Amino acid sequence: MRWIAVGLVLLILVLQSQLWLGEGSIPAMRRMQAAVAEQRAENERLDERNRALAADVADLRGGLQSVEERARRDMGMIGTDEQFYRVVIPRD
């Protein structure tokens, strides 16, 4: 009877060691949960960026005004009936 008790205690110790130290252990599970939460936050940030880019694309496809605005801002477009003035501030 004593050998059965010793065997059961050893079995419990082996199972507990797997729970705390093995491949699917509790600390490994917590690390994985933290990694999943971090990835979800990154995905949410990227989804927001994608929504903003999709809105920009829809705006560019829909109207000439947004295309002209981007051309002025990004490429320095000047209209045919406009004058360009550059103001140079002297350095001290």
PDB file of N, CA and C in Angstrom:
ATOM      1  N   MET A   1       0.818  -1.187   0.000  1.00  0.00           N
ATOM      2  CA  MET A   1       0.000   0.000   0.000  1.00  0.00           C
ATOM      3  C   MET A   1       0.864   1.255   0.000  1.00  0.00           C
ATOM      4  N   ARG A   2       2.000   1.160   0.670  1.00  0.00           N
ATOM      5  CA  ARG A   2       2.882   2.314   0.755  1.00  0.00           C
ATOM      6  C   ARG A   2       3.469   2.648  -0.610  1.00  0.00           C
ATOM      7  N   TRP A   3       3.741   1.637  -1.430  1.00  0.00           N
ATOM      8  CA  TRP A   3       4.310   1.864  -2.765  1.00  0.00           C
ATOM      9  C   TRP A   3       3.306   2.565  -3.675  1.00  0.00           C
ATOM     10  N   ILE A   4       2.053   2.262  -3.486  1.00  0.00           N
ATOM     11  CA  ILE A   4       1.019   2.926  -4.285  1.00  0.00           C
ATOM     12  C   ILE A   4       0.968   4.411  -3.935  1.00  0.00           C
ATOM     13  N   ALA A   5       1.045   4.727  -2.653  1.00  0.00           N
ATOM     14  CA  ALA A   5       1.032   6.130  -2.230  1.00  0.00           C
ATOM     15  C   ALA A   5       2.253   6.872  -2.766  1.00  0.00           C
ATOM     16  N   VAL A   6       3.425   6.234  -2.697  1.00  0.00           N
ATOM     17  CA  VAL A   6       4.647   6.855  -3.219  1.00  0.00           C
ATOM     18  C   VAL A   6       4.520   7.045  -4.732  1.00  0.00           C
ATOM     19  N   GLY A   7       3.983   6.061  -5.403  1.00  0.00           N
ATOM     20  CA  GLY A   7       3.785   6.155  -6.860  1.00  0.00           C
ATOM     21  C   GLY A   7       2.837   7.281  -7.232  1.00  0.00           C
ATOM     22  N   LEU A   8       1.747   7.417  -6.466  1.00  0.00           N
ATOM     23  CA  LEU A   8       0.795   8.496  -6.740  1.00  0.00           C
ATOM     24  C   LEU A   8       1.408   9.870  -6.481  1.00  0.00           C
ATOM     25  N   VAL A   9       2.202   9.995  -5.429  1.00  0.00           N
ATOM     26  CA  VAL A   9       2.873  11.269  -5.140  1.00  0.00           C
ATOM     27  C   VAL A   9       3.840  11.608  -6.263  1.00  0.00           C
ATOM     28  N   LEU A  10       4.600  10.622  -6.728  1.00  0.00           N
ATOM     29  CA  LEU A  10       5.523  10.857  -7.845  1.00  0.00           C
ATOM     30  C   LEU A  10       4.769  11.251  -9.116  1.00  0.00           C
ATOM     31  N   LEU A  11       3.642  10.601  -9.367  1.00  0.00           N
ATOM     32  CA  LEU A  11       2.831  10.941 -10.533  1.00  0.00           C
ATOM     33  C   LEU A  11       2.318  12.376 -10.440  1.00  0.00           C
ATOM     34  N   ILE A  12       1.862  12.770  -9.273  1.00  0.00           N
ATOM     35  CA  ILE A  12       1.396  14.150  -9.070  1.00  0.00           C
ATOM     36  C   ILE A  12       2.534  15.134  -9.283  1.00  0.00           C
ATOM     37  N   LEU A  13       3.726  14.809  -8.780  1.00  0.00           N
ATOM     38  CA  LEU A  13       4.880  15.695  -8.974  1.00  0.00           C
ATOM     39  C   LEU A  13       5.241  15.833 -10.453  1.00  0.00           C
ATOM     40  N   VAL A  14       5.192  14.740 -11.194  1.00  0.00           N
ATOM     41  CA  VAL A  14       5.502  14.791 -12.630  1.00  0.00           C
ATOM     42  C   VAL A  14       4.466  15.646 -13.361  1.00  0.00           C
ATOM     43  N   LEU A  15       3.196  15.437 -13.034  1.00  0.00           N
ATOM     44  CA  LEU A  15       2.150  16.221 -13.692  1.00  0.00           C
ATOM     45  C   LEU A  15       2.248  17.705 -13.333  1.00  0.00           C
ATOM     46  N   GLN A  16       2.557  18.007 -12.089  1.00  0.00           N
ATOM     47  CA  GLN A  16       2.719  19.403 -11.675  1.00  0.00           C
ATOM     48  C   GLN A  16       3.917  20.047 -12.357  1.00  0.00           C
ATOM     49  N   SER A  17       4.985  19.279 -12.518  1.00  0.00           N
ATOM     50  CA  SER A  17       6.162  19.849 -13.189  1.00  0.00           C
ATOM     51  C   SER A  17       5.828  20.188 -14.636  1.00  0.00           C
ATOM     52  N   GLN A  18       5.017  19.365 -15.285  1.00  0.00           N
ATOM     53  CA  GLN A  18       4.601  19.681 -16.650  1.00  0.00           C
ATOM     54  C   GLN A  18       3.721  20.928 -16.680  1.00  0.00           C
ATOM     55  N   LEU A  19       2.897  21.088 -15.657  1.00  0.00           N
ATOM     56  CA  LEU A  19       2.009  22.250 -15.591  1.00  0.00           C
ATOM     57  C   LEU A  19       2.789  23.539 -15.396  1.00  0.00           C
ATOM     58  N   TRP A  20       3.852  23.511 -14.621  1.00  0.00           N
ATOM     59  CA  TRP A  20       4.594  24.730 -14.300  1.00  0.00           C
ATOM     60  C   TRP A  20       5.849  24.923 -15.140  1.00  0.00           C
ATOM     61  N   LEU A  21       6.404  23.848 -15.691  1.00  0.00           N
ATOM     62  CA  LEU A  21       7.680  23.968 -16.393  1.00  0.00           C
ATOM     63  C   LEU A  21       7.648  23.475 -17.834  1.00  0.00           C
ATOM     64  N   GLY A  22       6.625  22.780 -18.238  1.00  0.00           N
ATOM     65  CA  GLY A  22       6.601  22.154 -19.557  1.00  0.00           C
ATOM     66  C   GLY A  22       6.307  23.126 -20.690  1.00  0.00           C
ATOM     67  N   GLU A  23       6.113  22.544 -21.874  1.00  0.00           N
ATOM     68  CA  GLU A  23       5.896  23.339 -23.081  1.00  0.00           C
ATOM     69  C   GLU A  23       4.579  24.114 -23.025  1.00  0.00           C
ATOM     70  N   GLY A  24       3.541  23.526 -22.529  1.00  0.00           N
ATOM     71  CA  GLY A  24       2.247  24.196 -22.423  1.00  0.00           C
ATOM     72  C   GLY A  24       1.974  24.678 -21.017  1.00  0.00           C
ATOM     73  N   SER A  25       2.992  25.159 -20.347  1.00  0.00           N
ATOM     74  CA  SER A  25       2.870  25.529 -18.937  1.00  0.00           C
ATOM     75  C   SER A  25       2.104  26.838 -18.763  1.00  0.00           C
ATOM     76  N   ILE A  26       1.767  27.124 -17.539  1.00  0.00           N
ATOM     77  CA  ILE A  26       1.034  28.349 -17.213  1.00  0.00           C
ATOM     78  C   ILE A  26       1.844  29.598 -17.566  1.00  0.00           C
ATOM     79  N   PRO A  27       3.135  29.691 -17.231  1.00  0.00           N
ATOM     80  CA  PRO A  27       3.892  30.885 -17.648  1.00  0.00           C
ATOM     81  C   PRO A  27       3.973  31.041 -19.172  1.00  0.00           C
ATOM     82  N   ALA A  28       4.103  29.934 -19.891  1.00  0.00           N
ATOM     83  CA  ALA A  28       4.135  30.008 -21.355  1.00  0.00           C
ATOM     84  C   ALA A  28       2.797  30.489 -21.894  1.00  0.00           C
ATOM     85  N   MET A  29       1.709  30.050 -21.276  1.00  0.00           N
ATOM     86  CA  MET A  29       0.383  30.485 -21.691  1.00  0.00           C
ATOM     87  C   MET A  29       0.212  31.984 -21.454  1.00  0.00           C
ATOM     88  N   ARG A  30       0.704  32.486 -20.342  1.00  0.00           N
ATOM     89  CA  ARG A  30       0.596  33.925 -20.055  1.00  0.00           C
ATOM     90  C   ARG A  30       1.422  34.745 -21.043  1.00  0.00           C
ATOM     91  N   ARG A  31       2.607  34.251 -21.383  1.00  0.00           N
ATOM     92  CA  ARG A  31       3.419  34.952 -22.397  1.00  0.00           C
ATOM     93  C   ARG A  31       2.695  34.984 -23.736  1.00  0.00           C
ATOM     94  N   MET A  32       2.067  33.880 -24.088  1.00  0.00           N
ATOM     95  CA  MET A  32       1.337  33.809 -25.350  1.00  0.00           C
ATOM     96  C   MET A  32       0.133  34.748 -25.332  1.00  0.00           C
ATOM     97  N   GLN A  33      -0.565  34.835 -24.205  1.00  0.00           N
ATOM     98  CA  GLN A  33      -1.700  35.753 -24.105  1.00  0.00           C
ATOM     99  C   GLN A  33      -1.248  37.202 -24.243  1.00  0.00           C
ATOM    100  N   ALA A  34      -0.104  37.536 -23.664  1.00  0.00           N
ATOM    101  CA  ALA A  34       0.427  38.897 -23.801  1.00  0.00           C
ATOM    102  C   ALA A  34       0.796  39.181 -25.251  1.00  0.00           C
ATOM    103  N   ALA A  35       1.385  38.204 -25.927  1.00  0.00           N
ATOM    104  CA  ALA A  35       1.750  38.386 -27.335  1.00  0.00           C
ATOM    105  C   ALA A  35       0.503  38.553 -28.203  1.00  0.00           C
ATOM    106  N   VAL A  36      -0.540  37.806 -27.898  1.00  0.00           N
ATOM    107  CA  VAL A  36      -1.792  37.920 -28.650  1.00  0.00           C
ATOM    108  C   VAL A  36      -2.414  39.295 -28.434  1.00  0.00           C
ATOM    109  N   ALA A  37      -2.411  39.780 -27.198  1.00  0.00           N
ATOM    110  CA  ALA A  37      -2.968  41.108 -26.922  1.00  0.00           C
ATOM    111  C   ALA A  37      -2.181  42.193 -27.649  1.00  0.00           C
ATOM    112  N   GLU A  38      -0.870  42.056 -27.670  1.00  0.00           N
ATOM    113  CA  GLU A  38      -0.028  43.025 -28.377  1.00  0.00           C
ATOM    114  C   GLU A  38      -0.305  42.995 -29.879  1.00  0.00           C
ATOM    115  N   GLN A  39      -0.467  41.811 -30.428  1.00  0.00           N
ATOM    116  CA  GLN A  39      -0.750  41.690 -31.863  1.00  0.00           C
ATOM    117  C   GLN A  39      -2.123  42.251 -32.196  1.00  0.00           C
ATOM    118  N   ARG A  40      -3.102  42.047 -31.315  1.00  0.00           N
ATOM    119  CA  ARG A  40      -4.437  42.613 -31.553  1.00  0.00           C
ATOM    120  C   ARG A  40      -4.394  44.135 -31.554  1.00  0.00           C
ATOM    121  N   ALA A  41      -3.619  44.723 -30.655  1.00  0.00           N
ATOM    122  CA  ALA A  41      -3.484  46.179 -30.628  1.00  0.00           C
ATOM    123  C   ALA A  41      -2.823  46.679 -31.911  1.00  0.00           C
ATOM    124  N   GLU A  42      -1.806  45.979 -32.363  1.00  0.00           N
ATOM    125  CA  GLU A  42      -1.136  46.352 -33.620  1.00  0.00           C
ATOM    126  C   GLU A  42      -2.090  46.223 -34.799  1.00  0.00           C
ATOM    127  N   ASN A  43      -2.890  45.157 -34.818  1.00  0.00           N
ATOM    128  CA  ASN A  43      -3.866  44.973 -35.892  1.00  0.00           C
ATOM    129  C   ASN A  43      -4.904  46.085 -35.889  1.00  0.00           C
ATOM    130  N   GLU A  44      -5.338  46.504 -34.724  1.00  0.00           N
ATOM    131  CA  GLU A  44      -6.321  47.592 -34.633  1.00  0.00           C
ATOM    132  C   GLU A  44      -5.724  48.889 -35.176  1.00  0.00           C
ATOM    133  N   ARG A  45      -4.460  49.145 -34.846  1.00  0.00           N
ATOM    134  CA  ARG A  45      -3.799  50.352 -35.352  1.00  0.00           C
ATOM    135  C   ARG A  45      -3.692  50.305 -36.877  1.00  0.00           C
ATOM    136  N   LEU A  46      -3.335  49.143 -37.402  1.00  0.00           N
ATOM    137  CA  LEU A  46      -3.220  48.996 -38.853  1.00  0.00           C
ATOM    138  C   LEU A  46      -4.581  49.065 -39.542  1.00  0.00           C
ATOM    139  N   ASP A  47      -5.623  48.535 -38.902  1.00  0.00           N
ATOM    140  CA  ASP A  47      -6.974  48.650 -39.461  1.00  0.00           C
ATOM    141  C   ASP A  47      -7.398  50.109 -39.559  1.00  0.00           C
ATOM    142  N   GLU A  48      -7.088  50.879 -38.535  1.00  0.00           N
ATOM    143  CA  GLU A  48      -7.426  52.307 -38.547  1.00  0.00           C
ATOM    144  C   GLU A  48      -6.687  53.016 -39.680  1.00  0.00           C
ATOM    145  N   ARG A  49      -5.419  52.690 -39.862  1.00  0.00           N
ATOM    146  CA  ARG A  49      -4.644  53.287 -40.955  1.00  0.00           C
ATOM    147  C   ARG A  49      -5.225  52.889 -42.311  1.00  0.00           C
ATOM    148  N   ASN A  50      -5.629  51.629 -42.444  1.00  0.00           N
ATOM    149  CA  ASN A  50      -6.226  51.170 -43.701  1.00  0.00           C
ATOM    150  C   ASN A  50      -7.543  51.878 -43.991  1.00  0.00           C
ATOM    151  N   ARG A  51      -8.345  52.112 -42.949  1.00  0.00           N
ATOM    152  CA  ARG A  51      -9.602  52.840 -43.152  1.00  0.00           C
ATOM    153  C   ARG A  51      -9.333  54.264 -43.623  1.00  0.00           C
ATOM    154  N   ALA A  52      -8.312  54.907 -43.042  1.00  0.00           N
ATOM    155  CA  ALA A  52      -7.967  56.269 -43.460  1.00  0.00           C
ATOM    156  C   ALA A  52      -7.478  56.282 -44.904  1.00  0.00           C
ATOM    157  N   LEU A  53      -6.659  55.306 -45.275  1.00  0.00           N
ATOM    158  CA  LEU A  53      -6.177  55.234 -46.655  1.00  0.00           C
ATOM    159  C   LEU A  53      -7.315  54.937 -47.630  1.00  0.00           C
ATOM    160  N   ALA A  54      -8.244  54.086 -47.244  1.00  0.00           N
ATOM    161  CA  ALA A  54      -9.390  53.791 -48.104  1.00  0.00           C
ATOM    162  C   ALA A  54     -10.247  55.032 -48.296  1.00  0.00           C
ATOM    163  N   ALA A  55     -10.398  55.834 -47.245  1.00  0.00           N
ATOM    164  CA  ALA A  55     -11.148  57.085 -47.372  1.00  0.00           C
ATOM    165  C   ALA A  55     -10.426  58.048 -48.305  1.00  0.00           C
ATOM    166  N   ASP A  56      -9.096  58.102 -48.228  1.00  0.00           N
ATOM    167  CA  ASP A  56      -8.323  58.952 -49.140  1.00  0.00           C
ATOM    168  C   ASP A  56      -8.497  58.500 -50.584  1.00  0.00           C
ATOM    169  N   VAL A  57      -8.448  57.203 -50.813  1.00  0.00           N
ATOM    170  CA  VAL A  57      -8.610  56.677 -52.171  1.00  0.00           C
ATOM    171  C   VAL A  57     -10.001  57.002 -52.702  1.00  0.00           C
ATOM    172  N   ALA A  58     -11.020  56.810 -51.875  1.00  0.00           N
ATOM    173  CA  ALA A  58     -12.384  57.124 -52.304  1.00  0.00           C
ATOM    174  C   ALA A  58     -12.525  58.608 -52.611  1.00  0.00           C
ATOM    175  N   ASP A  59     -11.899  59.451 -51.806  1.00  0.00           N
ATOM    176  CA  ASP A  59     -11.955  60.892 -52.031  1.00  0.00           C
ATOM    177  C   ASP A  59     -11.242  61.265 -53.322  1.00  0.00           C
ATOM    178  N   LEU A  60     -10.097  60.635 -53.575  1.00  0.00           N
ATOM    179  CA  LEU A  60      -9.358  60.931 -54.806  1.00  0.00           C
ATOM    180  C   LEU A  60     -10.109  60.448 -56.046  1.00  0.00           C
ATOM    181  N   ARG A  61     -10.791  59.335 -55.933  1.00  0.00           N
ATOM    182  CA  ARG A  61     -11.569  58.835 -57.071  1.00  0.00           C
ATOM    183  C   ARG A  61     -12.814  59.673 -57.308  1.00  0.00           C
ATOM    184  N   GLY A  62     -13.342  60.249 -56.248  1.00  0.00           N
ATOM    185  CA  GLY A  62     -14.625  60.933 -56.346  1.00  0.00           C
ATOM    186  C   GLY A  62     -14.559  62.361 -56.837  1.00  0.00           C
ATOM    187  N   GLY A  63     -13.522  63.088 -56.540  1.00  0.00           N
ATOM    188  CA  GLY A  63     -13.570  64.496 -56.888  1.00  0.00           C
ATOM    189  C   GLY A  63     -12.247  65.052 -57.351  1.00  0.00           C
ATOM    190  N   LEU A  64     -12.337  66.072 -58.195  1.00  0.00           N
ATOM    191  CA  LEU A  64     -11.149  66.727 -58.716  1.00  0.00           C
ATOM    192  C   LEU A  64     -10.536  67.662 -57.684  1.00  0.00           C
ATOM    193  N   GLN A  65     -11.345  68.119 -56.759  1.00  0.00           N
ATOM    194  CA  GLN A  65     -10.856  69.062 -55.750  1.00  0.00           C
ATOM    195  C   GLN A  65      -9.790  68.421 -54.862  1.00  0.00           C
ATOM    196  N   SER A  66      -9.984  67.183 -54.474  1.00  0.00           N
ATOM    197  CA  SER A  66      -8.987  66.527 -53.624  1.00  0.00           C
ATOM    198  C   SER A  66      -7.704  66.244 -54.398  1.00  0.00           C
ATOM    199  N   VAL A  67      -7.828  65.944 -55.688  1.00  0.00           N
ATOM    200  CA  VAL A  67      -6.633  65.725 -56.508  1.00  0.00           C
ATOM    201  C   VAL A  67      -5.847  67.024 -56.612  1.00  0.00           C
ATOM    202  N   GLU A  68      -6.550  68.130 -56.842  1.00  0.00           N
ATOM    203  CA  GLU A  68      -5.882  69.430 -56.936  1.00  0.00           C
ATOM    204  C   GLU A  68      -5.230  69.809 -55.610  1.00  0.00           C
ATOM    205  N   GLU A  69      -5.903  69.543 -54.522  1.00  0.00           N
ATOM    206  CA  GLU A  69      -5.340  69.850 -53.204  1.00  0.00           C
ATOM    207  C   GLU A  69      -4.041  69.080 -52.969  1.00  0.00           C
ATOM    208  N   ARG A  70      -4.040  67.803 -53.311  1.00  0.00           N
ATOM    209  CA  ARG A  70      -2.813  67.009 -53.151  1.00  0.00           C
ATOM    210  C   ARG A  70      -1.708  67.491 -54.078  1.00  0.00           C
ATOM    211  N   ALA A  71      -2.064  67.857 -55.291  1.00  0.00           N
ATOM    212  CA  ALA A  71      -1.054  68.338 -56.230  1.00  0.00           C
ATOM    213  C   ALA A  71      -0.435  69.639 -55.727  1.00  0.00           C
ATOM    214  N   ARG A  72      -1.238  70.508 -55.163  1.00  0.00           N
ATOM    215  CA  ARG A  72      -0.707  71.762 -54.617  1.00  0.00           C
ATOM    216  C   ARG A  72       0.200  71.500 -53.416  1.00  0.00           C
ATOM    217  N   ARG A  73      -0.258  70.656 -52.528  1.00  0.00           N
ATOM    218  CA  ARG A  73       0.481  70.409 -51.295  1.00  0.00           C
ATOM    219  C   ARG A  73       1.747  69.584 -51.528  1.00  0.00           C
ATOM    220  N   ASP A  74       1.630  68.511 -52.282  1.00  0.00           N
ATOM    221  CA  ASP A  74       2.742  67.568 -52.408  1.00  0.00           C
ATOM    222  C   ASP A  74       3.690  67.882 -53.557  1.00  0.00           C
ATOM    223  N   MET A  75       3.163  68.491 -54.623  1.00  0.00           N
ATOM    224  CA  MET A  75       3.991  68.698 -55.810  1.00  0.00           C
ATOM    225  C   MET A  75       4.198  70.162 -56.164  1.00  0.00           C
ATOM    226  N   GLY A  76       3.617  71.062 -55.393  1.00  0.00           N
ATOM    227  CA  GLY A  76       3.821  72.483 -55.661  1.00  0.00           C
ATOM    228  C   GLY A  76       3.096  72.979 -56.902  1.00  0.00           C
ATOM    229  N   MET A  77       1.925  72.454 -57.196  1.00  0.00           N
ATOM    230  CA  MET A  77       1.174  72.866 -58.382  1.00  0.00           C
ATOM    231  C   MET A  77       0.738  74.323 -58.269  1.00  0.00           C
ATOM    232  N   ILE A  78       0.832  75.030 -59.383  1.00  0.00           N
ATOM    233  CA  ILE A  78       0.357  76.410 -59.479  1.00  0.00           C
ATOM    234  C   ILE A  78      -0.614  76.447 -60.648  1.00  0.00           C
ATOM    235  N   GLY A  79      -1.789  77.042 -60.429  1.00  0.00           N
ATOM    236  CA  GLY A  79      -2.793  77.130 -61.485  1.00  0.00           C
ATOM    237  C   GLY A  79      -2.357  78.074 -62.593  1.00  0.00           C
ATOM    238  N   THR A  80      -3.048  77.994 -63.736  1.00  0.00           N
ATOM    239  CA  THR A  80      -2.670  78.812 -64.893  1.00  0.00           C
ATOM    240  C   THR A  80      -2.898  80.295 -64.647  1.00  0.00           C
ATOM    241  N   ASP A  81      -3.887  80.648 -63.870  1.00  0.00           N
ATOM    242  CA  ASP A  81      -4.171  82.063 -63.620  1.00  0.00           C
ATOM    243  C   ASP A  81      -3.661  82.522 -62.258  1.00  0.00           C
ATOM    244  N   GLU A  82      -2.697  81.842 -61.701  1.00  0.00           N
ATOM    245  CA  GLU A  82      -2.168  82.179 -60.377  1.00  0.00           C
ATOM    246  C   GLU A  82      -0.729  82.665 -60.480  1.00  0.00           C
ATOM    247  N   GLN A  83      -0.320  83.434 -59.495  1.00  0.00           N
ATOM    248  CA  GLN A  83       1.056  83.925 -59.394  1.00  0.00           C
ATOM    249  C   GLN A  83       1.711  83.246 -58.195  1.00  0.00           C
ATOM    250  N   PHE A  84       2.986  82.909 -58.324  1.00  0.00           N
ATOM    251  CA  PHE A  84       3.722  82.280 -57.232  1.00  0.00           C
ATOM    252  C   PHE A  84       4.656  83.305 -56.612  1.00  0.00           C
ATOM    253  N   TYR A  85       4.580  83.452 -55.309  1.00  0.00           N
ATOM    254  CA  TYR A  85       5.460  84.356 -54.575  1.00  0.00           C
ATOM    255  C   TYR A  85       6.204  83.552 -53.529  1.00  0.00           C
ATOM    256  N   ARG A  86       7.489  83.773 -53.452  1.00  0.00           N
ATOM    257  CA  ARG A  86       8.294  83.130 -52.424  1.00  0.00           C
ATOM    258  C   ARG A  86       8.773  84.216 -51.478  1.00  0.00           C
ATOM    259  N   VAL A  87       8.498  84.028 -50.207  1.00  0.00           N
ATOM    260  CA  VAL A  87       8.928  84.974 -49.184  1.00  0.00           C
ATOM    261  C   VAL A  87      10.142  84.375 -48.495  1.00  0.00           C
ATOM    262  N   VAL A  88      11.258  85.082 -48.585  1.00  0.00           N
ATOM    263  CA  VAL A  88      12.496  84.612 -47.977  1.00  0.00           C
ATOM    264  C   VAL A  88      12.750  85.443 -46.734  1.00  0.00           C
ATOM    265  N   ILE A  89      12.856  84.786 -45.601  1.00  0.00           N
ATOM    266  CA  ILE A  89      13.125  85.464 -44.333  1.00  0.00           C
ATOM    267  C   ILE A  89      14.625  85.413 -44.100  1.00  0.00           C
ATOM    268  N   PRO A  90      15.263  86.590 -43.955  1.00  0.00           N
ATOM    269  CA  PRO A  90      16.721  86.592 -43.768  1.00  0.00           C
ATOM    270  C   PRO A  90      17.102  85.970 -42.429  1.00  0.00           C
ATOM    271  N   ARG A  91      18.223  85.265 -42.434  1.00  0.00           N
ATOM    272  CA  ARG A  91      18.742  84.667 -41.200  1.00  0.00           C
ATOM    273  C   ARG A  91      19.585  85.692 -40.465  1.00  0.00           C
ATOM    274  N   ASP A  92      19.610  85.589 -39.191  1.00  0.00           N
ATOM    275  CA  ASP A  92      20.424  86.514 -38.383  1.00  0.00           C
ATOM    276  C   ASP A  92      21.830  86.026 -38.234  1.00  0.00           C
TER     277      ASP A  92
END
